PDB file of N, CA and C in Angstrom:
ATOM      1  N   MET A   1     100.793 -71.537 -65.736  1.00  0.00           N
ATOM      2  CA  MET A   1     100.484 -71.328 -64.344  1.00  0.00           C
ATOM      3  C   MET A   1     101.006 -69.944 -63.949  1.00  0.00           C
ATOM      4  N   GLN A   2     100.256 -69.288 -63.066  1.00  0.00           N
ATOM      5  CA  GLN A   2     100.666 -67.962 -62.628  1.00  0.00           C
ATOM      6  C   GLN A   2     101.268 -67.989 -61.230  1.00  0.00           C
ATOM      7  N   LEU A   3     102.227 -67.127 -61.016  1.00  0.00           N
ATOM      8  CA  LEU A   3     102.766 -66.857 -59.691  1.00  0.00           C
ATOM      9  C   LEU A   3     102.117 -65.551 -59.241  1.00  0.00           C
ATOM     10  N   VAL A   4     101.446 -65.573 -58.108  1.00  0.00           N
ATOM     11  CA  VAL A   4     100.775 -64.384 -57.595  1.00  0.00           C
ATOM     12  C   VAL A   4     101.570 -63.843 -56.418  1.00  0.00           C
ATOM     13  N   ASN A   5     101.895 -62.550 -56.479  1.00  0.00           N
ATOM     14  CA  ASN A   5     102.580 -61.895 -55.380  1.00  0.00           C
ATOM     15  C   ASN A   5     101.734 -60.702 -54.961  1.00  0.00           C
ATOM     16  N   ILE A   6     101.177 -60.769 -53.756  1.00  0.00           N
ATOM     17  CA  ILE A   6     100.393 -59.668 -53.209  1.00  0.00           C
ATOM     18  C   ILE A   6     101.341 -58.806 -52.396  1.00  0.00           C
ATOM     19  N   ILE A   7     101.481 -57.556 -52.816  1.00  0.00           N
ATOM     20  CA  ILE A   7     102.447 -56.656 -52.201  1.00  0.00           C
ATOM     21  C   ILE A   7     101.720 -55.473 -51.577  1.00  0.00           C
ATOM     22  N   LYS A   8     102.119 -55.153 -50.379  1.00  0.00           N
ATOM     23  CA  LYS A   8     101.522 -54.051 -49.626  1.00  0.00           C
ATOM     24  C   LYS A   8     102.537 -52.905 -49.583  1.00  0.00           C
ATOM     25  N   PRO A   9     102.468 -51.965 -50.549  1.00  0.00           N
ATOM     26  CA  PRO A   9     103.462 -50.895 -50.583  1.00  0.00           C
ATOM     27  C   PRO A   9     103.311 -49.883 -49.446  1.00  0.00           C
ATOM     28  N   THR A  10     102.149 -49.863 -48.815  1.00  0.00           N
ATOM     29  CA  THR A  10     101.941 -49.010 -47.651  1.00  0.00           C
ATOM     30  C   THR A  10     100.854 -49.608 -46.771  1.00  0.00           C
ATOM     31  N   HIS A  11     100.986 -49.390 -45.488  1.00  0.00           N
ATOM     32  CA  HIS A  11      99.935 -49.797 -44.565  1.00  0.00           C
ATOM     33  C   HIS A  11      99.007 -48.617 -44.286  1.00  0.00           C
ATOM     34  N   ARG A  12      99.409 -47.436 -44.709  1.00  0.00           N
ATOM     35  CA  ARG A  12      98.629 -46.227 -44.456  1.00  0.00           C
ATOM     36  C   ARG A  12      97.393 -46.170 -45.345  1.00  0.00           C
ATOM     37  N   CYS A  13      96.408 -45.449 -44.866  1.00  0.00           N
ATOM     38  CA  CYS A  13      95.163 -45.293 -45.613  1.00  0.00           C
ATOM     39  C   CYS A  13      94.618 -43.894 -45.348  1.00  0.00           C
ATOM     40  N   ASN A  14      93.885 -43.373 -46.297  1.00  0.00           N
ATOM     41  CA  ASN A  14      93.298 -42.044 -46.156  1.00  0.00           C
ATOM     42  C   ASN A  14      91.902 -42.082 -45.531  1.00  0.00           C
ATOM     43  N   LEU A  15      91.395 -43.254 -45.238  1.00  0.00           N
ATOM     44  CA  LEU A  15      90.092 -43.384 -44.597  1.00  0.00           C
ATOM     45  C   LEU A  15      90.278 -43.829 -43.151  1.00  0.00           C
ATOM     46  N   ALA A  16      89.232 -43.772 -42.391  1.00  0.00           N
ATOM     47  CA  ALA A  16      89.284 -44.196 -40.990  1.00  0.00           C
ATOM     48  C   ALA A  16      88.107 -45.130 -40.715  1.00  0.00           C
ATOM     49  N   CYS A  17      88.070 -46.241 -41.427  1.00  0.00           N
ATOM     50  CA  CYS A  17      86.974 -47.205 -41.285  1.00  0.00           C
ATOM     51  C   CYS A  17      86.969 -47.791 -39.872  1.00  0.00           C
ATOM     52  N   LYS A  18      85.805 -47.886 -39.279  1.00  0.00           N
ATOM     53  CA  LYS A  18      85.693 -48.387 -37.907  1.00  0.00           C
ATOM     54  C   LYS A  18      86.170 -49.821 -37.761  1.00  0.00           C
ATOM     55  N   TYR A  19      86.029 -50.618 -38.821  1.00  0.00           N
ATOM     56  CA  TYR A  19      86.394 -52.035 -38.747  1.00  0.00           C
ATOM     57  C   TYR A  19      87.894 -52.278 -38.955  1.00  0.00           C
ATOM     58  N   CYS A  20      88.636 -51.266 -39.360  1.00  0.00           N
ATOM     59  CA  CYS A  20      90.051 -51.468 -39.689  1.00  0.00           C
ATOM     60  C   CYS A  20      90.875 -51.730 -38.431  1.00  0.00           C
ATOM     61  N   TYR A  21      91.736 -52.703 -38.534  1.00  0.00           N
ATOM     62  CA  TYR A  21      92.595 -53.104 -37.418  1.00  0.00           C
ATOM     63  C   TYR A  21      94.008 -52.540 -37.542  1.00  0.00           C
ATOM     64  N   ASN A  22      94.284 -51.795 -38.584  1.00  0.00           N
ATOM     65  CA  ASN A  22      95.647 -51.386 -38.897  1.00  0.00           C
ATOM     66  C   ASN A  22      96.069 -50.155 -38.099  1.00  0.00           C
ATOM     67  N   GLU A  23      96.937 -50.365 -37.133  1.00  0.00           N
ATOM     68  CA  GLU A  23      97.535 -49.268 -36.381  1.00  0.00           C
ATOM     69  C   GLU A  23      99.053 -49.350 -36.462  1.00  0.00           C
ATOM     70  N   ASP A  24      99.532 -49.848 -37.563  1.00  0.00           N
ATOM     71  CA  ASP A  24     100.954 -50.090 -37.779  1.00  0.00           C
ATOM     72  C   ASP A  24     101.721 -48.769 -37.804  1.00  0.00           C
ATOM     73  N   GLU A  25     102.828 -48.705 -37.110  1.00  0.00           N
ATOM     74  CA  GLU A  25     103.632 -47.492 -37.024  1.00  0.00           C
ATOM     75  C   GLU A  25     104.981 -47.615 -37.730  1.00  0.00           C
ATOM     76  N   ARG A  26     105.178 -48.699 -38.488  1.00  0.00           N
ATOM     77  CA  ARG A  26     106.445 -48.872 -39.192  1.00  0.00           C
ATOM     78  C   ARG A  26     106.579 -47.870 -40.331  1.00  0.00           C
ATOM     79  N   GLN A  27     107.620 -48.034 -41.130  1.00  0.00           N
ATOM     80  CA  GLN A  27     107.845 -47.188 -42.302  1.00  0.00           C
ATOM     81  C   GLN A  27     106.540 -47.057 -43.083  1.00  0.00           C
ATOM     82  N   PRO A  28     106.054 -45.832 -43.305  1.00  0.00           N
ATOM     83  CA  PRO A  28     104.728 -45.685 -43.906  1.00  0.00           C
ATOM     84  C   PRO A  28     104.621 -46.112 -45.373  1.00  0.00           C
ATOM     85  N   ILE A  29     105.689 -45.973 -46.141  1.00  0.00           N
ATOM     86  CA  ILE A  29     105.662 -46.366 -47.551  1.00  0.00           C
ATOM     87  C   ILE A  29     106.917 -47.179 -47.851  1.00  0.00           C
ATOM     88  N   MET A  30     106.752 -48.264 -48.576  1.00  0.00           N
ATOM     89  CA  MET A  30     107.868 -49.133 -48.944  1.00  0.00           C
ATOM     90  C   MET A  30     108.957 -48.315 -49.650  1.00  0.00           C
ATOM     91  N   SER A  31     110.194 -48.527 -49.268  1.00  0.00           N
ATOM     92  CA  SER A  31     111.305 -47.829 -49.921  1.00  0.00           C
ATOM     93  C   SER A  31     111.502 -48.368 -51.337  1.00  0.00           C
ATOM     94  N   LEU A  32     112.101 -47.563 -52.180  1.00  0.00           N
ATOM     95  CA  LEU A  32     112.355 -48.010 -53.546  1.00  0.00           C
ATOM     96  C   LEU A  32     113.340 -49.169 -53.576  1.00  0.00           C
ATOM     97  N   GLU A  33     114.253 -49.219 -52.620  1.00  0.00           N
ATOM     98  CA  GLU A  33     115.202 -50.336 -52.549  1.00  0.00           C
ATOM     99  C   GLU A  33     114.483 -51.651 -52.262  1.00  0.00           C
ATOM    100  N   ILE A  34     113.589 -51.635 -51.300  1.00  0.00           N
ATOM    101  CA  ILE A  34     112.817 -52.840 -50.969  1.00  0.00           C
ATOM    102  C   ILE A  34     111.869 -53.186 -52.114  1.00  0.00           C
ATOM    103  N   LEU A  35     111.267 -52.181 -52.718  1.00  0.00           N
ATOM    104  CA  LEU A  35     110.380 -52.410 -53.854  1.00  0.00           C
ATOM    105  C   LEU A  35     111.117 -53.122 -54.982  1.00  0.00           C
ATOM    106  N   GLU A  36     112.284 -52.610 -55.362  1.00  0.00           N
ATOM    107  CA  GLU A  36     113.034 -53.240 -56.449  1.00  0.00           C
ATOM    108  C   GLU A  36     113.456 -54.654 -56.072  1.00  0.00           C
ATOM    109  N   LYS A  37     113.917 -54.849 -54.839  1.00  0.00           N
ATOM    110  CA  LYS A  37     114.334 -56.190 -54.407  1.00  0.00           C
ATOM    111  C   LYS A  37     113.154 -57.163 -54.451  1.00  0.00           C
ATOM    112  N   THR A  38     111.996 -56.717 -54.040  1.00  0.00           N
ATOM    113  CA  THR A  38     110.806 -57.569 -54.050  1.00  0.00           C
ATOM    114  C   THR A  38     110.462 -58.001 -55.474  1.00  0.00           C
ATOM    115  N   ILE A  39     110.476 -57.056 -56.392  1.00  0.00           N
ATOM    116  CA  ILE A  39     110.174 -57.362 -57.794  1.00  0.00           C
ATOM    117  C   ILE A  39     111.246 -58.265 -58.389  1.00  0.00           C
ATOM    118  N   LYS A  40     112.506 -57.945 -58.138  1.00  0.00           N
ATOM    119  CA  LYS A  40     113.620 -58.759 -58.652  1.00  0.00           C
ATOM    120  C   LYS A  40     113.535 -60.184 -58.117  1.00  0.00           C
ATOM    121  N   ASP A  41     113.345 -60.330 -56.811  1.00  0.00           N
ATOM    122  CA  ASP A  41     113.271 -61.663 -56.198  1.00  0.00           C
ATOM    123  C   ASP A  41     112.084 -62.469 -56.725  1.00  0.00           C
ATOM    124  N   THR A  42     110.975 -61.795 -56.980  1.00  0.00           N
ATOM    125  CA  THR A  42     109.799 -62.473 -57.527  1.00  0.00           C
ATOM    126  C   THR A  42     110.116 -63.069 -58.889  1.00  0.00           C
ATOM    127  N   PHE A  43     110.723 -62.284 -59.765  1.00  0.00           N
ATOM    128  CA  PHE A  43     111.066 -62.790 -61.094  1.00  0.00           C
ATOM    129  C   PHE A  43     112.154 -63.861 -61.035  1.00  0.00           C
ATOM    130  N   GLU A  44     113.124 -63.706 -60.141  1.00  0.00           N
ATOM    131  CA  GLU A  44     114.164 -64.731 -60.003  1.00  0.00           C
ATOM    132  C   GLU A  44     113.555 -66.056 -59.557  1.00  0.00           C
ATOM    133  N   TYR A  45     112.607 -66.009 -58.640  1.00  0.00           N
ATOM    134  CA  TYR A  45     111.936 -67.231 -58.196  1.00  0.00           C
ATOM    135  C   TYR A  45     111.155 -67.857 -59.346  1.00  0.00           C
ATOM    136  N   ALA A  46     110.414 -67.040 -60.081  1.00  0.00           N
ATOM    137  CA  ALA A  46     109.635 -67.554 -61.220  1.00  0.00           C
ATOM    138  C   ALA A  46     110.553 -68.196 -62.253  1.00  0.00           C
ATOM    139  N   ASN A  47     111.708 -67.599 -62.505  1.00  0.00           N
ATOM    140  CA  ASN A  47     112.675 -68.170 -63.454  1.00  0.00           C
ATOM    141  C   ASN A  47     113.252 -69.478 -62.934  1.00  0.00           C
ATOM    142  N   LYS A  48     113.535 -69.524 -61.652  1.00  0.00           N
ATOM    143  CA  LYS A  48     114.144 -70.713 -61.045  1.00  0.00           C
ATOM    144  C   LYS A  48     113.192 -71.912 -61.089  1.00  0.00           C
ATOM    145  N   ILE A  49     111.934 -71.700 -60.785  1.00  0.00           N
ATOM    146  CA  ILE A  49     110.965 -72.791 -60.717  1.00  0.00           C
ATOM    147  C   ILE A  49     110.573 -73.284 -62.109  1.00  0.00           C
ATOM    148  N   LYS A  50     110.497 -72.395 -63.078  1.00  0.00           N
ATOM    149  CA  LYS A  50     110.257 -72.720 -64.492  1.00  0.00           C
ATOM    150  C   LYS A  50     108.909 -73.350 -64.812  1.00  0.00           C
ATOM    151  N   VAL A  51     107.906 -73.141 -63.971  1.00  0.00           N
ATOM    152  CA  VAL A  51     106.571 -73.631 -64.301  1.00  0.00           C
ATOM    153  C   VAL A  51     105.579 -72.483 -64.500  1.00  0.00           C
ATOM    154  N   PHE A  52     106.004 -71.278 -64.224  1.00  0.00           N
ATOM    155  CA  PHE A  52     105.106 -70.137 -64.288  1.00  0.00           C
ATOM    156  C   PHE A  52     105.139 -69.492 -65.671  1.00  0.00           C
ATOM    157  N   THR A  53     103.963 -69.225 -66.214  1.00  0.00           N
ATOM    158  CA  THR A  53     103.880 -68.556 -67.513  1.00  0.00           C
ATOM    159  C   THR A  53     103.861 -67.040 -67.354  1.00  0.00           C
ATOM    160  N   TYR A  54     103.449 -66.585 -66.174  1.00  0.00           N
ATOM    161  CA  TYR A  54     103.508 -65.156 -65.898  1.00  0.00           C
ATOM    162  C   TYR A  54     103.413 -64.911 -64.401  1.00  0.00           C
ATOM    163  N   VAL A  55     103.737 -63.672 -64.030  1.00  0.00           N
ATOM    164  CA  VAL A  55     103.652 -63.236 -62.640  1.00  0.00           C
ATOM    165  C   VAL A  55     102.525 -62.220 -62.538  1.00  0.00           C
ATOM    166  N   HIS A  56     101.692 -62.411 -61.543  1.00  0.00           N
ATOM    167  CA  HIS A  56     100.577 -61.510 -61.282  1.00  0.00           C
ATOM    168  C   HIS A  56     100.887 -60.748 -59.994  1.00  0.00           C
ATOM    169  N   PHE A  57     101.139 -59.449 -60.122  1.00  0.00           N
ATOM    170  CA  PHE A  57     101.393 -58.591 -58.962  1.00  0.00           C
ATOM    171  C   PHE A  57     100.076 -57.940 -58.566  1.00  0.00           C
ATOM    172  N   ILE A  58      99.690 -58.112 -57.308  1.00  0.00           N
ATOM    173  CA  ILE A  58      98.504 -57.449 -56.784  1.00  0.00           C
ATOM    174  C   ILE A  58      98.985 -56.426 -55.758  1.00  0.00           C
ATOM    175  N   TRP A  59      98.694 -55.173 -56.015  1.00  0.00           N
ATOM    176  CA  TRP A  59      99.109 -54.067 -55.143  1.00  0.00           C
ATOM    177  C   TRP A  59      97.957 -53.778 -54.186  1.00  0.00           C
ATOM    178  N   HIS A  60      98.242 -53.972 -52.904  1.00  0.00           N
ATOM    179  CA  HIS A  60      97.249 -53.997 -51.843  1.00  0.00           C
ATOM    180  C   HIS A  60      97.694 -53.022 -50.764  1.00  0.00           C
ATOM    181  N   GLY A  61      96.888 -52.786 -49.759  1.00  0.00           N
ATOM    182  CA  GLY A  61      97.320 -51.871 -48.709  1.00  0.00           C
ATOM    183  C   GLY A  61      96.631 -52.158 -47.401  1.00  0.00           C
ATOM    184  N   GLY A  62      96.583 -51.204 -46.616  1.00  0.00           N
ATOM    185  CA  GLY A  62      96.370 -49.782 -46.611  1.00  0.00           C
ATOM    186  C   GLY A  62      95.693 -49.377 -47.920  1.00  0.00           C
ATOM    187  N   GLU A  63      96.077 -48.241 -48.382  1.00  0.00           N
ATOM    188  CA  GLU A  63      95.586 -47.729 -49.660  1.00  0.00           C
ATOM    189  C   GLU A  63      96.765 -47.677 -50.625  1.00  0.00           C
ATOM    190  N   PRO A  64      96.835 -48.614 -51.592  1.00  0.00           N
ATOM    191  CA  PRO A  64      98.011 -48.736 -52.443  1.00  0.00           C
ATOM    192  C   PRO A  64      98.247 -47.563 -53.397  1.00  0.00           C
ATOM    193  N   MET A  65      97.244 -46.700 -53.590  1.00  0.00           N
ATOM    194  CA  MET A  65      97.455 -45.543 -54.459  1.00  0.00           C
ATOM    195  C   MET A  65      98.087 -44.373 -53.699  1.00  0.00           C
ATOM    196  N   LEU A  66      98.157 -44.470 -52.382  1.00  0.00           N
ATOM    197  CA  LEU A  66      98.705 -43.409 -51.543  1.00  0.00           C
ATOM    198  C   LEU A  66     100.147 -43.027 -51.906  1.00  0.00           C
ATOM    199  N   PRO A  67     101.022 -43.984 -52.266  1.00  0.00           N
ATOM    200  CA  PRO A  67     102.397 -43.591 -52.631  1.00  0.00           C
ATOM    201  C   PRO A  67     102.497 -42.748 -53.908  1.00  0.00           C
ATOM    202  N   GLY A  68     101.473 -42.723 -54.734  1.00  0.00           N
ATOM    203  CA  GLY A  68     101.456 -41.861 -55.910  1.00  0.00           C
ATOM    204  C   GLY A  68     101.905 -42.538 -57.202  1.00  0.00           C
ATOM    205  N   ILE A  69     101.660 -41.846 -58.290  1.00  0.00           N
ATOM    206  CA  ILE A  69     101.964 -42.383 -59.617  1.00  0.00           C
ATOM    207  C   ILE A  69     103.466 -42.587 -59.811  1.00  0.00           C
ATOM    208  N   LYS A  70     104.286 -41.696 -59.301  1.00  0.00           N
ATOM    209  CA  LYS A  70     105.748 -41.845 -59.462  1.00  0.00           C
ATOM    210  C   LYS A  70     106.210 -43.183 -58.890  1.00  0.00           C
ATOM    211  N   PHE A  71     105.654 -43.590 -57.763  1.00  0.00           N
ATOM    212  CA  PHE A  71     105.980 -44.880 -57.162  1.00  0.00           C
ATOM    213  C   PHE A  71     105.654 -46.005 -58.152  1.00  0.00           C
ATOM    214  N   TYR A  72     104.506 -45.911 -58.799  1.00  0.00           N
ATOM    215  CA  TYR A  72     104.087 -46.939 -59.751  1.00  0.00           C
ATOM    216  C   TYR A  72     104.873 -46.863 -61.057  1.00  0.00           C
ATOM    217  N   GLU A  73     105.348 -45.702 -61.419  1.00  0.00           N
ATOM    218  CA  GLU A  73     106.259 -45.600 -62.569  1.00  0.00           C
ATOM    219  C   GLU A  73     107.545 -46.370 -62.272  1.00  0.00           C
ATOM    220  N   ASN A  74     108.006 -46.298 -61.020  1.00  0.00           N
ATOM    221  CA  ASN A  74     109.173 -47.089 -60.608  1.00  0.00           C
ATOM    222  C   ASN A  74     108.862 -48.578 -60.663  1.00  0.00           C
ATOM    223  N   ILE A  75     107.671 -48.968 -60.261  1.00  0.00           N
ATOM    224  CA  ILE A  75     107.270 -50.374 -60.335  1.00  0.00           C
ATOM    225  C   ILE A  75     107.397 -50.877 -61.763  1.00  0.00           C
ATOM    226  N   ILE A  76     106.825 -50.140 -62.700  1.00  0.00           N
ATOM    227  CA  ILE A  76     106.867 -50.535 -64.114  1.00  0.00           C
ATOM    228  C   ILE A  76     108.312 -50.627 -64.595  1.00  0.00           C
ATOM    229  N   ALA A  77     109.139 -49.653 -64.239  1.00  0.00           N
ATOM    230  CA  ALA A  77     110.551 -49.670 -64.641  1.00  0.00           C
ATOM    231  C   ALA A  77     111.276 -50.879 -64.060  1.00  0.00           C
ATOM    232  N   PHE A  78     111.039 -51.200 -62.784  1.00  0.00           N
ATOM    233  CA  PHE A  78     111.680 -52.356 -62.152  1.00  0.00           C
ATOM    234  C   PHE A  78     111.196 -53.658 -62.787  1.00  0.00           C
ATOM    235  N   GLN A  79     109.928 -53.733 -63.117  1.00  0.00           N
ATOM    236  CA  GLN A  79     109.412 -54.943 -63.756  1.00  0.00           C
ATOM    237  C   GLN A  79     110.049 -55.144 -65.129  1.00  0.00           C
ATOM    238  N   LYS A  80     110.160 -54.095 -65.901  1.00  0.00           N
ATOM    239  CA  LYS A  80     110.808 -54.202 -67.214  1.00  0.00           C
ATOM    240  C   LYS A  80     112.267 -54.610 -67.063  1.00  0.00           C
ATOM    241  N   LYS A  81     112.927 -54.060 -66.063  1.00  0.00           N
ATOM    242  CA  LYS A  81     114.350 -54.338 -65.826  1.00  0.00           C
ATOM    243  C   LYS A  81     114.587 -55.790 -65.409  1.00  0.00           C
ATOM    244  N   HIS A  82     113.704 -56.357 -64.592  1.00  0.00           N
ATOM    245  CA  HIS A  82     113.970 -57.656 -63.971  1.00  0.00           C
ATOM    246  C   HIS A  82     113.130 -58.820 -64.504  1.00  0.00           C
ATOM    247  N   SER A  83     112.201 -58.560 -65.419  1.00  0.00           N
ATOM    248  CA  SER A  83     111.291 -59.635 -65.849  1.00  0.00           C
ATOM    249  C   SER A  83     111.990 -60.737 -66.641  1.00  0.00           C
ATOM    250  N   ASN A  84     113.067 -60.416 -67.318  1.00  0.00           N
ATOM    251  CA  ASN A  84     113.851 -61.420 -68.042  1.00  0.00           C
ATOM    252  C   ASN A  84     112.967 -62.305 -68.933  1.00  0.00           C
ATOM    253  N   GLY A  85     112.045 -61.672 -69.644  1.00  0.00           N
ATOM    254  CA  GLY A  85     111.197 -62.404 -70.578  1.00  0.00           C
ATOM    255  C   GLY A  85     109.927 -62.991 -69.985  1.00  0.00           C
ATOM    256  N   ILE A  86     109.782 -62.963 -68.676  1.00  0.00           N
ATOM    257  CA  ILE A  86     108.569 -63.473 -68.042  1.00  0.00           C
ATOM    258  C   ILE A  86     107.478 -62.401 -68.159  1.00  0.00           C
ATOM    259  N   LYS A  87     106.304 -62.808 -68.597  1.00  0.00           N
ATOM    260  CA  LYS A  87     105.178 -61.879 -68.695  1.00  0.00           C
ATOM    261  C   LYS A  87     104.658 -61.587 -67.296  1.00  0.00           C
ATOM    262  N   TYR A  88     104.036 -60.426 -67.162  1.00  0.00           N
ATOM    263  CA  TYR A  88     103.509 -60.050 -65.855  1.00  0.00           C
ATOM    264  C   TYR A  88     102.265 -59.186 -66.008  1.00  0.00           C
ATOM    265  N   LEU A  89     101.452 -59.213 -64.962  1.00  0.00           N
ATOM    266  CA  LEU A  89     100.240 -58.418 -64.859  1.00  0.00           C
ATOM    267  C   LEU A  89     100.286 -57.633 -63.559  1.00  0.00           C
ATOM    268  N   ASN A  90      99.618 -56.492 -63.553  1.00  0.00           N
ATOM    269  CA  ASN A  90      99.477 -55.703 -62.338  1.00  0.00           C
ATOM    270  C   ASN A  90      97.999 -55.486 -62.061  1.00  0.00           C
ATOM    271  N   ALA A  91      97.649 -55.452 -60.782  1.00  0.00           N
ATOM    272  CA  ALA A  91      96.295 -55.143 -60.357  1.00  0.00           C
ATOM    273  C   ALA A  91      96.374 -54.287 -59.096  1.00  0.00           C
ATOM    274  N   LEU A  92      95.366 -53.460 -58.908  1.00  0.00           N
ATOM    275  CA  LEU A  92      95.272 -52.627 -57.709  1.00  0.00           C
ATOM    276  C   LEU A  92      94.018 -53.009 -56.930  1.00  0.00           C
ATOM    277  N   GLN A  93      94.151 -53.135 -55.626  1.00  0.00           N
ATOM    278  CA  GLN A  93      92.995 -53.264 -54.738  1.00  0.00           C
ATOM    279  C   GLN A  93      92.930 -51.951 -53.971  1.00  0.00           C
ATOM    280  N   THR A  94      91.977 -51.118 -54.279  1.00  0.00           N
ATOM    281  CA  THR A  94      91.945 -49.751 -53.785  1.00  0.00           C
ATOM    282  C   THR A  94      90.573 -49.362 -53.253  1.00  0.00           C
ATOM    283  N   ASN A  95      90.534 -48.336 -52.417  1.00  0.00           N
ATOM    284  CA  ASN A  95      89.243 -47.809 -51.989  1.00  0.00           C
ATOM    285  C   ASN A  95      88.692 -46.827 -53.029  1.00  0.00           C
ATOM    286  N   GLY A  96      89.482 -46.489 -54.036  1.00  0.00           N
ATOM    287  CA  GLY A  96      89.026 -45.692 -55.167  1.00  0.00           C
ATOM    288  C   GLY A  96      89.002 -44.197 -54.959  1.00  0.00           C
ATOM    289  N   THR A  97      89.362 -43.716 -53.794  1.00  0.00           N
ATOM    290  CA  THR A  97      89.252 -42.282 -53.519  1.00  0.00           C
ATOM    291  C   THR A  97      90.320 -41.437 -54.212  1.00  0.00           C
ATOM    292  N   PHE A  98      91.393 -42.055 -54.686  1.00  0.00           N
ATOM    293  CA  PHE A  98      92.454 -41.305 -55.370  1.00  0.00           C
ATOM    294  C   PHE A  98      92.351 -41.378 -56.897  1.00  0.00           C
ATOM    295  N   ILE A  99      91.352 -42.051 -57.413  1.00  0.00           N
ATOM    296  CA  ILE A  99      91.259 -42.225 -58.863  1.00  0.00           C
ATOM    297  C   ILE A  99      90.943 -40.888 -59.531  1.00  0.00           C
ATOM    298  N   THR A 100      91.826 -40.515 -60.443  1.00  0.00           N
ATOM    299  CA  THR A 100      91.680 -39.302 -61.244  1.00  0.00           C
ATOM    300  C   THR A 100      91.881 -39.694 -62.699  1.00  0.00           C
ATOM    301  N   GLN A 101      91.702 -38.753 -63.594  1.00  0.00           N
ATOM    302  CA  GLN A 101      91.962 -39.039 -65.000  1.00  0.00           C
ATOM    303  C   GLN A 101      93.419 -39.414 -65.211  1.00  0.00           C
ATOM    304  N   ARG A 102      94.323 -38.777 -64.487  1.00  0.00           N
ATOM    305  CA  ARG A 102      95.752 -39.102 -64.606  1.00  0.00           C
ATOM    306  C   ARG A 102      96.008 -40.561 -64.214  1.00  0.00           C
ATOM    307  N   TRP A 103      95.391 -40.996 -63.111  1.00  0.00           N
ATOM    308  CA  TRP A 103      95.527 -42.397 -62.704  1.00  0.00           C
ATOM    309  C   TRP A 103      94.931 -43.322 -63.761  1.00  0.00           C
ATOM    310  N   CYS A 104      93.765 -42.971 -64.284  1.00  0.00           N
ATOM    311  CA  CYS A 104      93.127 -43.798 -65.318  1.00  0.00           C
ATOM    312  C   CYS A 104      94.030 -43.922 -66.536  1.00  0.00           C
ATOM    313  N   ASP A 105      94.630 -42.818 -66.958  1.00  0.00           N
ATOM    314  CA  ASP A 105      95.545 -42.842 -68.102  1.00  0.00           C
ATOM    315  C   ASP A 105      96.756 -43.723 -67.815  1.00  0.00           C
ATOM    316  N   PHE A 106      97.307 -43.616 -66.605  1.00  0.00           N
ATOM    317  CA  PHE A 106      98.462 -44.438 -66.217  1.00  0.00           C
ATOM    318  C   PHE A 106      98.097 -45.921 -66.221  1.00  0.00           C
ATOM    319  N   ILE A 107      96.961 -46.243 -65.629  1.00  0.00           N
ATOM    320  CA  ILE A 107      96.512 -47.641 -65.550  1.00  0.00           C
ATOM    321  C   ILE A 107      96.305 -48.220 -66.949  1.00  0.00           C
ATOM    322  N   LYS A 108      95.677 -47.448 -67.820  1.00  0.00           N
ATOM    323  CA  LYS A 108      95.436 -47.908 -69.192  1.00  0.00           C
ATOM    324  C   LYS A 108      96.751 -48.062 -69.956  1.00  0.00           C
ATOM    325  N   LYS A 109      97.607 -47.061 -69.865  1.00  0.00           N
ATOM    326  CA  LYS A 109      98.891 -47.077 -70.584  1.00  0.00           C
ATOM    327  C   LYS A 109      99.739 -48.278 -70.180  1.00  0.00           C
ATOM    328  N   ASN A 110      99.680 -48.653 -68.915  1.00  0.00           N
ATOM    329  CA  ASN A 110     100.529 -49.718 -68.394  1.00  0.00           C
ATOM    330  C   ASN A 110      99.809 -51.052 -68.251  1.00  0.00           C
ATOM    331  N   ASN A 111      98.650 -51.171 -68.884  1.00  0.00           N
ATOM    332  CA  ASN A 111      97.925 -52.429 -69.004  1.00  0.00           C
ATOM    333  C   ASN A 111      97.664 -53.123 -67.671  1.00  0.00           C
ATOM    334  N   PHE A 112      97.229 -52.351 -66.687  1.00  0.00           N
ATOM    335  CA  PHE A 112      96.852 -52.992 -65.428  1.00  0.00           C
ATOM    336  C   PHE A 112      95.694 -53.921 -65.698  1.00  0.00           C
ATOM    337  N   PHE A 113      95.775 -55.116 -65.167  1.00  0.00           N
ATOM    338  CA  PHE A 113      94.797 -56.171 -65.410  1.00  0.00           C
ATOM    339  C   PHE A 113      93.427 -55.775 -64.873  1.00  0.00           C
ATOM    340  N   TYR A 114      93.379 -55.266 -63.665  1.00  0.00           N
ATOM    341  CA  TYR A 114      92.137 -54.759 -63.113  1.00  0.00           C
ATOM    342  C   TYR A 114      92.431 -53.847 -61.943  1.00  0.00           C
ATOM    343  N   VAL A 115      91.418 -53.076 -61.627  1.00  0.00           N
ATOM    344  CA  VAL A 115      91.440 -52.256 -60.423  1.00  0.00           C
ATOM    345  C   VAL A 115      90.221 -52.686 -59.627  1.00  0.00           C
ATOM    346  N   HIS A 116      90.459 -53.263 -58.470  1.00  0.00           N
ATOM    347  CA  HIS A 116      89.380 -53.732 -57.605  1.00  0.00           C
ATOM    348  C   HIS A 116      89.125 -52.681 -56.552  1.00  0.00           C
ATOM    349  N   ILE A 117      87.931 -52.093 -56.584  1.00  0.00           N
ATOM    350  CA  ILE A 117      87.583 -51.078 -55.597  1.00  0.00           C
ATOM    351  C   ILE A 117      86.772 -51.736 -54.504  1.00  0.00           C
ATOM    352  N   TYR A 118      87.254 -51.593 -53.295  1.00  0.00           N
ATOM    353  CA  TYR A 118      86.557 -52.205 -52.165  1.00  0.00           C
ATOM    354  C   TYR A 118      85.983 -51.149 -51.251  1.00  0.00           C
TER     355      TYR A 118
END
């Protein structure tokens, strides 16, 4: 069984879609402290419950690629640090406007399960 955690690392977006309701003025990008705590707590919960075979992280937004590759390098490092043997998957739900060859290489290297372009 999978544990799914949908995480919104930013509410900001680079588009101005007419249908969007997001006018949030809080911290524009999740801090690394909150990011690490979120990942750590997710794995601790999965370990405690003991029915999950893996954790599926879905990175959502705003536009989740807006924080940049360095932010996602931290995600991978935190997941390796806190997974404690639990397998995990990553996915991005993105508008696709930031996809470059560098992003493609990062996604492939880090075995992202899928990139959903909406």
